[in-house]
Structure formats: structure tokens, C-alpha cells
Amino acid sequence: MAEFVHLELYANDERIEGESTQTSLSREGTIECFNLDHRIKSAIDPVTGRAAGRRVYEELKIFKRLDSSTPLIIRALCNNEEIRGIFRFYRPHRDGDGTTEHFFTLEISEARLASYRLLSPNANDRDNNDPPMEEVGFVFHNIRWCDEANHKEHADSWKEGGVR
């Protein structure tokens, strides 16, 4: 079963509280993300197979429920506030004991909110019980991926030789 990605979000160093009520593993007050889409592209020469340019990060996008964090997220977008985000990924515990474990972290800094979209479900579809959702897009200078379970990580900065 899929688990929410839990986002700890800061705008101009002020925490934007979410509505998660899960108290274990520091998830209370985080923003629950139904979906996260993160893409990197590398320019590769199709003939030689060699790098032909620098990596390009697309907007990191999340889908979340419309909630009390919404006005603060929109304020941060409209005011071009500096963003820091810590995305924590969870899965069923490897021991099979019925609990969950935090196994991966994705962290962005020197970021900005780049896009926002509100999606309301079709009220004429009687079978649709989805809540109103939001798509939020982030751009960033720094990113860090951390495999918490195996203690491996990599960080990248577009400022250090990268192209934005």
C-alpha cells in the first residue's frame, strides 16, 4: 500500500503547518502529499552517447489536499518567498511488523514556488469521492537525496556549475 509523502515546508524560514494528524515518526503537522513528481533530464548526444550539455531540473510537483496550508502556500508564491522543503517518504516496515518506517528524504533549499493549480472534482460524477486537490510546483537551487535505510546520499546545486 502506498504511503503519503510528508512535507515539512518553510517560507522565509517560517514553518507552514499542514494538517497531518499522524503522530509517529515526526509526521504530525506536516503536509500530506498524495503524489510527488520529480524529474531530471540530461542532454545526451544520440550519436556518441556522451553528455552534450548540463542536467536540467524540471519543476518538482506535489499534489495535496486543499487545507489550512493553502493560503500560506499561495502567499509564498505571490510574494516570491524563499522556500525550504523536506519531503519524507515512508513504507511498510521491512520487518513486517505492521508499522511504517521513514526510508527516504528529499530536501530542497533556496527554492521558490513556481506554480499553483486548484483541482475540484466533478460534482456530477456520483462515484467520485475525491476531495479538492492542489498541484504545487517548486523550483530550487539545491537538492539532496538521502536513502535513510542504507545511509547513502547525494546533493546537487545548480549554482555550482549548473544551469537554471
C-alpha atoms as a PDB file:
ATOM      1  CA  MET A   1       0.000   0.000   0.000  1.00  0.00           C
ATOM      2  CA  ALA A   2       1.271   3.457  -0.882  1.00  0.00           C
ATOM      3  CA  GLU A   3       2.053   5.896   1.918  1.00  0.00           C
ATOM      4  CA  PHE A   4       1.777   9.684   1.856  1.00  0.00           C
ATOM      5  CA  VAL A   5       4.942  11.690   1.328  1.00  0.00           C
ATOM      6  CA  HIS A   6       5.089  14.099   4.282  1.00  0.00           C
ATOM      7  CA  LEU A   7       6.333  17.618   3.574  1.00  0.00           C
ATOM      8  CA  GLU A   8       7.843  19.907   6.188  1.00  0.00           C
ATOM      9  CA  LEU A   9       7.661  23.275   4.430  1.00  0.00           C
ATOM     10  CA  TYR A  10       9.219  26.635   5.294  1.00  0.00           C
ATOM     11  CA  ALA A  11       8.658  30.006   3.583  1.00  0.00           C
ATOM     12  CA  ASN A  12      11.118  32.742   4.569  1.00  0.00           C
ATOM     13  CA  ASP A  13      12.115  30.474   7.496  1.00  0.00           C
ATOM     14  CA  GLU A  14       8.518  30.360   8.825  1.00  0.00           C
ATOM     15  CA  ARG A  15       7.033  26.881   9.035  1.00  0.00           C
ATOM     16  CA  ILE A  16       3.862  26.297   7.037  1.00  0.00           C
ATOM     17  CA  GLU A  17       1.863  23.820   9.086  1.00  0.00           C
ATOM     18  CA  GLY A  18      -0.071  21.054   7.407  1.00  0.00           C
ATOM     19  CA  GLU A  19      -2.968  19.052   8.768  1.00  0.00           C
ATOM     20  CA  SER A  20      -1.428  15.603   9.200  1.00  0.00           C
ATOM     21  CA  THR A  21      -2.534  14.048  12.465  1.00  0.00           C
ATOM     22  CA  GLN A  22      -0.183  11.059  12.293  1.00  0.00           C
ATOM     23  CA  THR A  23       1.926  11.413  15.414  1.00  0.00           C
ATOM     24  CA  SER A  24       4.539   8.728  14.786  1.00  0.00           C
ATOM     25  CA  LEU A  25       7.865   9.405  13.067  1.00  0.00           C
ATOM     26  CA  SER A  26       7.546  13.230  13.249  1.00  0.00           C
ATOM     27  CA  ARG A  27       4.625  13.396  10.801  1.00  0.00           C
ATOM     28  CA  GLU A  28       2.208  15.498  12.874  1.00  0.00           C
ATOM     29  CA  GLY A  29       1.671  18.949  11.381  1.00  0.00           C
ATOM     30  CA  THR A  30       3.244  18.062   8.043  1.00  0.00           C
ATOM     31  CA  ILE A  31       1.638  18.479   4.640  1.00  0.00           C
ATOM     32  CA  GLU A  32       0.451  15.151   3.238  1.00  0.00           C
ATOM     33  CA  CYS A  33       1.362  14.771  -0.437  1.00  0.00           C
ATOM     34  CA  PHE A  34      -0.707  12.299  -2.433  1.00  0.00           C
ATOM     35  CA  ASN A  35       1.762  12.378  -5.293  1.00  0.00           C
ATOM     36  CA  LEU A  36       5.237  13.770  -5.946  1.00  0.00           C
ATOM     37  CA  ASP A  37       6.723  14.179  -9.436  1.00  0.00           C
ATOM     38  CA  HIS A  38      10.456  14.982  -9.668  1.00  0.00           C
ATOM     39  CA  ARG A  39      12.352  14.909 -12.971  1.00  0.00           C
ATOM     40  CA  ILE A  40      15.916  15.498 -14.111  1.00  0.00           C
ATOM     41  CA  LYS A  41      17.000  15.445 -17.737  1.00  0.00           C
ATOM     42  CA  SER A  42      20.498  15.156 -19.106  1.00  0.00           C
ATOM     43  CA  ALA A  43      21.408  16.322 -22.598  1.00  0.00           C
ATOM     44  CA  ILE A  44      22.904  13.285 -24.334  1.00  0.00           C
ATOM     45  CA  ASP A  45      24.293  13.237 -27.880  1.00  0.00           C
ATOM     46  CA  PRO A  46      22.314  10.450 -29.626  1.00  0.00           C
ATOM     47  CA  VAL A  47      25.274   9.511 -31.850  1.00  0.00           C
ATOM     48  CA  THR A  48      28.093   9.328 -29.295  1.00  0.00           C
ATOM     49  CA  GLY A  49      26.106   8.719 -26.129  1.00  0.00           C
ATOM     50  CA  ARG A  50      28.151  11.408 -24.405  1.00  0.00           C
ATOM     51  CA  ALA A  51      26.892  14.318 -22.387  1.00  0.00           C
ATOM     52  CA  ALA A  52      26.050  17.231 -24.673  1.00  0.00           C
ATOM     53  CA  GLY A  53      25.015  19.710 -22.027  1.00  0.00           C
ATOM     54  CA  ARG A  54      24.145  20.082 -18.388  1.00  0.00           C
ATOM     55  CA  ARG A  55      21.418  18.478 -16.373  1.00  0.00           C
ATOM     56  CA  VAL A  56      18.095  20.247 -16.273  1.00  0.00           C
ATOM     57  CA  TYR A  57      15.729  20.026 -13.328  1.00  0.00           C
ATOM     58  CA  GLU A  58      12.060  20.384 -14.128  1.00  0.00           C
ATOM     59  CA  GLU A  59       9.581  21.732 -11.584  1.00  0.00           C
ATOM     60  CA  LEU A  60       9.178  19.405  -8.637  1.00  0.00           C
ATOM     61  CA  LYS A  61       5.407  18.971  -8.310  1.00  0.00           C
ATOM     62  CA  ILE A  62       3.238  17.719  -5.491  1.00  0.00           C
ATOM     63  CA  PHE A  63      -0.463  17.009  -5.253  1.00  0.00           C
ATOM     64  CA  LYS A  64      -2.057  17.728  -1.892  1.00  0.00           C
ATOM     65  CA  ARG A  65      -5.445  18.216  -0.314  1.00  0.00           C
ATOM     66  CA  LEU A  66      -6.926  21.717  -0.085  1.00  0.00           C
ATOM     67  CA  ASP A  67      -6.304  22.573   3.588  1.00  0.00           C
ATOM     68  CA  SER A  68      -5.191  25.227   6.064  1.00  0.00           C
ATOM     69  CA  SER A  69      -1.735  25.461   4.459  1.00  0.00           C
ATOM     70  CA  THR A  70      -3.271  26.643   1.161  1.00  0.00           C
ATOM     71  CA  PRO A  71      -3.422  30.410   1.866  1.00  0.00           C
ATOM     72  CA  LEU A  72       0.175  30.405   3.144  1.00  0.00           C
ATOM     73  CA  ILE A  73       1.399  28.495   0.102  1.00  0.00           C
ATOM     74  CA  ILE A  74      -0.357  30.956  -2.211  1.00  0.00           C
ATOM     75  CA  ARG A  75       1.095  33.881  -0.213  1.00  0.00           C
ATOM     76  CA  ALA A  76       4.589  32.408  -0.603  1.00  0.00           C
ATOM     77  CA  LEU A  77       4.052  32.072  -4.348  1.00  0.00           C
ATOM     78  CA  CYS A  78       2.649  35.592  -4.786  1.00  0.00           C
ATOM     79  CA  ASN A  79       5.396  37.177  -2.655  1.00  0.00           C
ATOM     80  CA  ASN A  80       8.211  35.091  -4.176  1.00  0.00           C
ATOM     81  CA  GLU A  81       9.261  33.895  -0.712  1.00  0.00           C
ATOM     82  CA  GLU A  82      12.299  31.664  -0.268  1.00  0.00           C
ATOM     83  CA  ILE A  83      11.278  28.058   0.292  1.00  0.00           C
ATOM     84  CA  ARG A  84      12.886  25.109   2.020  1.00  0.00           C
ATOM     85  CA  GLY A  85      11.187  21.746   1.847  1.00  0.00           C
ATOM     86  CA  ILE A  86      11.882  18.399   3.472  1.00  0.00           C
ATOM     87  CA  PHE A  87       9.967  15.539   1.841  1.00  0.00           C
ATOM     88  CA  ARG A  88       9.941  12.350   3.919  1.00  0.00           C
ATOM     89  CA  PHE A  89       8.978   9.051   2.321  1.00  0.00           C
ATOM     90  CA  TYR A  90       7.501   6.153   4.300  1.00  0.00           C
ATOM     91  CA  ARG A  91       6.817   2.491   3.574  1.00  0.00           C
ATOM     92  CA  PRO A  92       5.656  -0.573   5.457  1.00  0.00           C
ATOM     93  CA  HIS A  93       8.461  -1.604   7.814  1.00  0.00           C
ATOM     94  CA  ARG A  94      10.823  -4.213   6.386  1.00  0.00           C
ATOM     95  CA  ASP A  95      10.349  -6.366   9.490  1.00  0.00           C
ATOM     96  CA  GLY A  96       6.719  -6.888   8.514  1.00  0.00           C
ATOM     97  CA  ASP A  97       5.518  -5.873  11.981  1.00  0.00           C
ATOM     98  CA  GLY A  98       2.651  -3.717  10.649  1.00  0.00           C
ATOM     99  CA  THR A  99       4.376  -0.383  11.320  1.00  0.00           C
ATOM    100  CA  THR A 100       5.832   2.099   8.848  1.00  0.00           C
ATOM    101  CA  GLU A 101       9.385   3.360   8.510  1.00  0.00           C
ATOM    102  CA  HIS A 102      10.906   6.570   7.191  1.00  0.00           C
ATOM    103  CA  PHE A 103      13.219   5.280   4.472  1.00  0.00           C
ATOM    104  CA  PHE A 104      13.995   8.223   2.151  1.00  0.00           C
ATOM    105  CA  THR A 105      14.338  12.014   2.334  1.00  0.00           C
ATOM    106  CA  LEU A 106      14.371  14.572  -0.458  1.00  0.00           C
ATOM    107  CA  GLU A 107      15.334  18.093   0.601  1.00  0.00           C
ATOM    108  CA  ILE A 108      15.277  21.297  -1.448  1.00  0.00           C
ATOM    109  CA  SER A 109      16.578  24.721  -0.454  1.00  0.00           C
ATOM    110  CA  GLU A 110      16.968  28.173  -1.946  1.00  0.00           C
ATOM    111  CA  ALA A 111      13.706  27.294  -3.651  1.00  0.00           C
ATOM    112  CA  ARG A 112      10.645  29.169  -4.847  1.00  0.00           C
ATOM    113  CA  LEU A 113       7.083  28.208  -5.566  1.00  0.00           C
ATOM    114  CA  ALA A 114       6.716  28.332  -9.344  1.00  0.00           C
ATOM    115  CA  SER A 115       3.140  27.234  -9.996  1.00  0.00           C
ATOM    116  CA  TYR A 116      -0.180  26.500  -8.331  1.00  0.00           C
ATOM    117  CA  ARG A 117      -3.314  24.804  -9.624  1.00  0.00           C
ATOM    118  CA  LEU A 118      -6.572  24.032  -7.788  1.00  0.00           C
ATOM    119  CA  LEU A 119      -8.463  20.966  -8.982  1.00  0.00           C
ATOM    120  CA  SER A 120     -12.026  20.398  -7.829  1.00  0.00           C
ATOM    121  CA  PRO A 121     -13.639  17.038  -8.623  1.00  0.00           C
ATOM    122  CA  ASN A 122     -16.591  16.812 -10.966  1.00  0.00           C
ATOM    123  CA  ALA A 123     -19.656  17.071  -8.700  1.00  0.00           C
ATOM    124  CA  ASN A 124     -21.812  15.465 -11.414  1.00  0.00           C
ATOM    125  CA  ASP A 125     -19.858  12.215 -11.108  1.00  0.00           C
ATOM    126  CA  ARG A 126     -21.655  10.483  -8.242  1.00  0.00           C
ATOM    127  CA  ASP A 127     -18.890   7.878  -7.945  1.00  0.00           C
ATOM    128  CA  ASN A 128     -16.183  10.489  -7.382  1.00  0.00           C
ATOM    129  CA  ASN A 129     -15.418  10.971  -3.690  1.00  0.00           C
ATOM    130  CA  ASP A 130     -12.131  12.798  -4.236  1.00  0.00           C
ATOM    131  CA  PRO A 131     -11.540  15.964  -2.200  1.00  0.00           C
ATOM    132  CA  PRO A 132     -10.469  19.221  -3.861  1.00  0.00           C
ATOM    133  CA  MET A 133      -6.769  18.881  -4.689  1.00  0.00           C
ATOM    134  CA  GLU A 134      -3.903  21.251  -5.361  1.00  0.00           C
ATOM    135  CA  GLU A 135      -0.887  20.903  -7.607  1.00  0.00           C
ATOM    136  CA  VAL A 136       2.083  22.910  -6.316  1.00  0.00           C
ATOM    137  CA  GLY A 137       5.307  23.341  -8.312  1.00  0.00           C
ATOM    138  CA  PHE A 138       8.743  24.135  -6.867  1.00  0.00           C
ATOM    139  CA  VAL A 139      11.994  25.290  -8.474  1.00  0.00           C
ATOM    140  CA  PHE A 140      15.204  25.182  -6.462  1.00  0.00           C
ATOM    141  CA  HIS A 141      18.960  25.773  -6.410  1.00  0.00           C
ATOM    142  CA  ASN A 142      19.924  22.959  -4.021  1.00  0.00           C
ATOM    143  CA  ILE A 143      18.671  19.417  -3.693  1.00  0.00           C
ATOM    144  CA  ARG A 144      19.668  16.442  -1.561  1.00  0.00           C
ATOM    145  CA  TRP A 145      18.530  12.834  -1.841  1.00  0.00           C
ATOM    146  CA  CYS A 146      19.093  10.616   1.202  1.00  0.00           C
ATOM    147  CA  ASP A 147      18.476   6.879   1.473  1.00  0.00           C
ATOM    148  CA  GLU A 148      17.851   6.750   5.217  1.00  0.00           C
ATOM    149  CA  ALA A 149      17.740   2.952   5.346  1.00  0.00           C
ATOM    150  CA  ASN A 150      21.197   2.458   3.797  1.00  0.00           C
ATOM    151  CA  HIS A 151      22.872   5.755   4.799  1.00  0.00           C
ATOM    152  CA  LYS A 152      23.628   6.905   1.247  1.00  0.00           C
ATOM    153  CA  GLU A 153      23.107  10.404  -0.079  1.00  0.00           C
ATOM    154  CA  HIS A 154      23.860  12.765  -2.933  1.00  0.00           C
ATOM    155  CA  ALA A 155      23.484  16.534  -3.117  1.00  0.00           C
ATOM    156  CA  ASP A 156      23.476  18.833  -6.132  1.00  0.00           C
ATOM    157  CA  SER A 157      23.482  22.582  -6.586  1.00  0.00           C
ATOM    158  CA  TRP A 158      22.620  24.402  -9.764  1.00  0.00           C
ATOM    159  CA  LYS A 159      24.666  27.340  -8.525  1.00  0.00           C
ATOM    160  CA  GLU A 160      27.848  25.268  -8.637  1.00  0.00           C
ATOM    161  CA  GLY A 161      28.344  24.888 -12.372  1.00  0.00           C
ATOM    162  CA  GLY A 162      24.748  24.052 -13.113  1.00  0.00           C
ATOM    163  CA  VAL A 163      22.343  25.797 -15.422  1.00  0.00           C
ATOM    164  CA  ARG A 164      18.978  27.043 -14.288  1.00  0.00           C
END
